[in-house]
């Protein structure tokens, strides 16, 4: 996505990697405990509350990454007066200082068709790719 989170190092991004690891641990514990399988029960337990807190942190981080990159792209597009409707994804690297990332493609798709590819769609895609690594 164009952001280093240090997932494979000992000094990973605490505001993202920590909650991801906690969420994975909580998910495994939930799988192993049949009592926690129903959402109605799990959501009122301490692990369920911790899981919601972790998910909030994860989603907040992802939204911040998307927001920062969107602002950068919009600023560059404005400054260089680029017609977004006629630009291909590969052309982005020619007018930005940063290395081209998958997030750039998602944002361009949104700029070209905001009604068909919403910011929620971008969040979902980024969550998938960030989680998968």
Protein backbone atom coordinates (compact mmCIF):
# COMPACT_ATOMS: atom_id res chain seq x y z
CA UNK A 1 0.00 0.00 0.00
CA UNK A 2 3.05 2.22 0.00
CA UNK A 3 3.41 2.25 3.80
CA UNK A 4 5.97 0.25 5.75
CA UNK A 5 4.49 -1.40 8.82
CA UNK A 6 7.51 -3.54 9.70
CA UNK A 7 5.44 -6.68 9.87
CA UNK A 8 8.46 -8.95 9.53
CA UNK A 9 10.74 -7.16 11.95
CA UNK A 10 10.92 -7.09 15.71
CA UNK A 11 10.21 -3.36 15.70
CA UNK A 12 6.95 -3.48 13.73
CA UNK A 13 4.40 -0.68 13.64
CA UNK A 14 2.80 -0.95 17.08
CA UNK A 15 -0.41 0.83 16.12
CA UNK A 16 -1.09 -1.75 13.36
CA UNK A 17 0.90 -4.94 13.95
CA UNK A 18 0.06 -5.13 17.68
CA UNK A 19 -3.71 -5.05 17.16
CA UNK A 20 -3.44 -7.48 14.22
CA UNK A 21 -1.56 -9.98 16.38
CA UNK A 22 -4.05 -9.52 19.21
CA UNK A 23 -7.00 -10.00 16.85
CA UNK A 24 -5.47 -13.20 15.49
CA UNK A 25 -4.91 -14.55 19.00
CA UNK A 26 -8.47 -13.69 20.01
CA UNK A 27 -9.82 -15.33 16.84
CA UNK A 28 -7.92 -18.53 17.55
CA UNK A 29 -9.13 -18.56 21.15
CA UNK A 30 -12.70 -18.05 19.94
CA UNK A 31 -12.40 -20.96 17.53
CA UNK A 32 -11.14 -23.21 20.30
CA UNK A 33 -13.92 -22.23 22.73
CA UNK A 34 -17.36 -23.34 21.48
CA UNK A 35 -19.08 -21.16 24.09
CA UNK A 36 -17.76 -18.08 22.21
CA UNK A 37 -19.04 -19.14 18.78
CA UNK A 38 -22.40 -17.30 18.95
CA UNK A 39 -21.87 -13.57 18.32
CA UNK A 40 -24.49 -12.68 20.90
CA UNK A 41 -22.44 -14.29 23.66
CA UNK A 42 -18.98 -13.38 22.35
CA UNK A 43 -19.80 -9.69 21.98
CA UNK A 44 -20.56 -9.28 25.70
CA UNK A 45 -17.44 -11.07 26.94
CA UNK A 46 -14.10 -9.46 27.70
CA UNK A 47 -12.40 -11.12 24.69
CA UNK A 48 -15.24 -9.83 22.48
CA UNK A 49 -14.75 -6.29 23.77
CA UNK A 50 -10.97 -6.54 23.24
CA UNK A 51 -11.62 -7.78 19.72
CA UNK A 52 -13.77 -4.73 18.96
CA UNK A 53 -11.08 -2.43 20.36
CA UNK A 54 -8.44 -4.09 18.17
CA UNK A 55 -10.65 -3.83 15.10
CA UNK A 56 -11.20 -0.12 15.77
CA UNK A 57 -7.44 0.44 15.94
CA UNK A 58 -6.85 -1.55 12.75
CA UNK A 59 -9.57 0.25 10.80
CA UNK A 60 -8.41 3.62 12.10
CA UNK A 61 -4.86 2.96 10.91
CA UNK A 62 -6.06 1.82 7.48
CA UNK A 63 -8.32 4.87 7.11
CA UNK A 64 -5.39 7.12 8.01
CA UNK A 65 -3.15 5.47 5.39
CA UNK A 66 -5.85 5.87 2.74
CA UNK A 67 -6.57 9.46 3.75
CA UNK A 68 -2.90 10.48 3.65
CA UNK A 69 -2.30 8.94 0.24
CA UNK A 70 -5.55 10.36 -1.14
CA UNK A 71 -4.53 13.87 -0.05
CA UNK A 72 -1.11 13.46 -1.66
CA UNK A 73 -2.59 12.25 -4.94
CA UNK A 74 -5.26 14.95 -5.03
CA UNK A 75 -2.65 17.63 -4.37
CA UNK A 76 -0.41 16.33 -7.15
CA UNK A 77 -3.35 16.06 -9.56
CA UNK A 78 -4.38 19.65 -8.78
CA UNK A 79 -0.85 21.06 -9.03
CA UNK A 80 -0.04 19.33 -12.30
CA UNK A 81 -3.58 19.76 -13.69
CA UNK A 82 -3.92 16.12 -14.63
CA UNK A 83 -7.10 14.80 -16.21
CA UNK A 84 -7.89 11.82 -13.98
CA UNK A 85 -10.52 10.45 -16.35
CA UNK A 86 -7.89 9.78 -19.03
CA UNK A 87 -5.01 8.47 -16.95
CA UNK A 88 -3.99 4.84 -16.66
CA UNK A 89 -2.69 3.36 -13.41
CA UNK A 90 0.86 2.96 -14.68
CA UNK A 91 1.04 6.67 -15.52
CA UNK A 92 0.73 7.66 -11.85
CA UNK A 93 4.38 6.93 -11.17
CA UNK A 94 5.40 9.53 -13.77
CA UNK A 95 3.81 12.43 -11.86
CA UNK A 96 4.34 11.37 -8.24
CA UNK A 97 7.54 11.30 -6.23
CA UNK A 98 6.61 8.08 -4.50
CA UNK A 99 6.84 4.56 -5.80
CA UNK A 100 3.61 3.36 -7.36
CA UNK A 101 1.53 1.29 -4.94
CA UNK A 102 -1.64 -0.74 -5.26
CA UNK A 103 -3.44 1.89 -3.21
CA UNK A 104 -2.76 4.38 -6.01
CA UNK A 105 -4.68 2.16 -8.43
CA UNK A 106 -7.59 1.93 -6.03
CA UNK A 107 -7.68 5.68 -5.53
CA UNK A 108 -7.51 6.36 -9.26
CA UNK A 109 -10.40 3.97 -9.80
CA UNK A 110 -12.31 5.94 -7.16
CA UNK A 111 -11.43 9.30 -8.74
CA UNK A 112 -12.61 8.04 -12.13
CA UNK A 113 -15.84 6.47 -10.85
CA UNK A 114 -16.66 7.62 -7.30
CA UNK A 115 -20.18 6.19 -7.39
CA UNK A 116 -19.15 2.73 -8.56
CA UNK A 117 -15.96 2.39 -6.49
CA UNK A 118 -16.51 4.03 -3.12
CA UNK A 119 -14.10 4.78 -0.28
CA UNK A 120 -15.67 1.86 1.60
CA UNK A 121 -14.64 -0.41 -1.29
CA UNK A 122 -11.10 0.94 -1.04
CA UNK A 123 -11.05 0.30 2.72
CA UNK A 124 -12.19 -3.27 2.18
CA UNK A 125 -9.50 -3.91 -0.43
CA UNK A 126 -6.77 -2.30 1.68
CA UNK A 127 -7.81 -4.33 4.73
CA UNK A 128 -7.59 -7.50 2.66
CA UNK A 129 -4.15 -6.73 1.27
CA UNK A 130 -2.71 -5.31 4.51
CA UNK A 131 -3.90 -8.33 6.49
CA UNK A 132 -2.70 -10.84 3.91
CA UNK A 133 0.67 -9.12 3.77
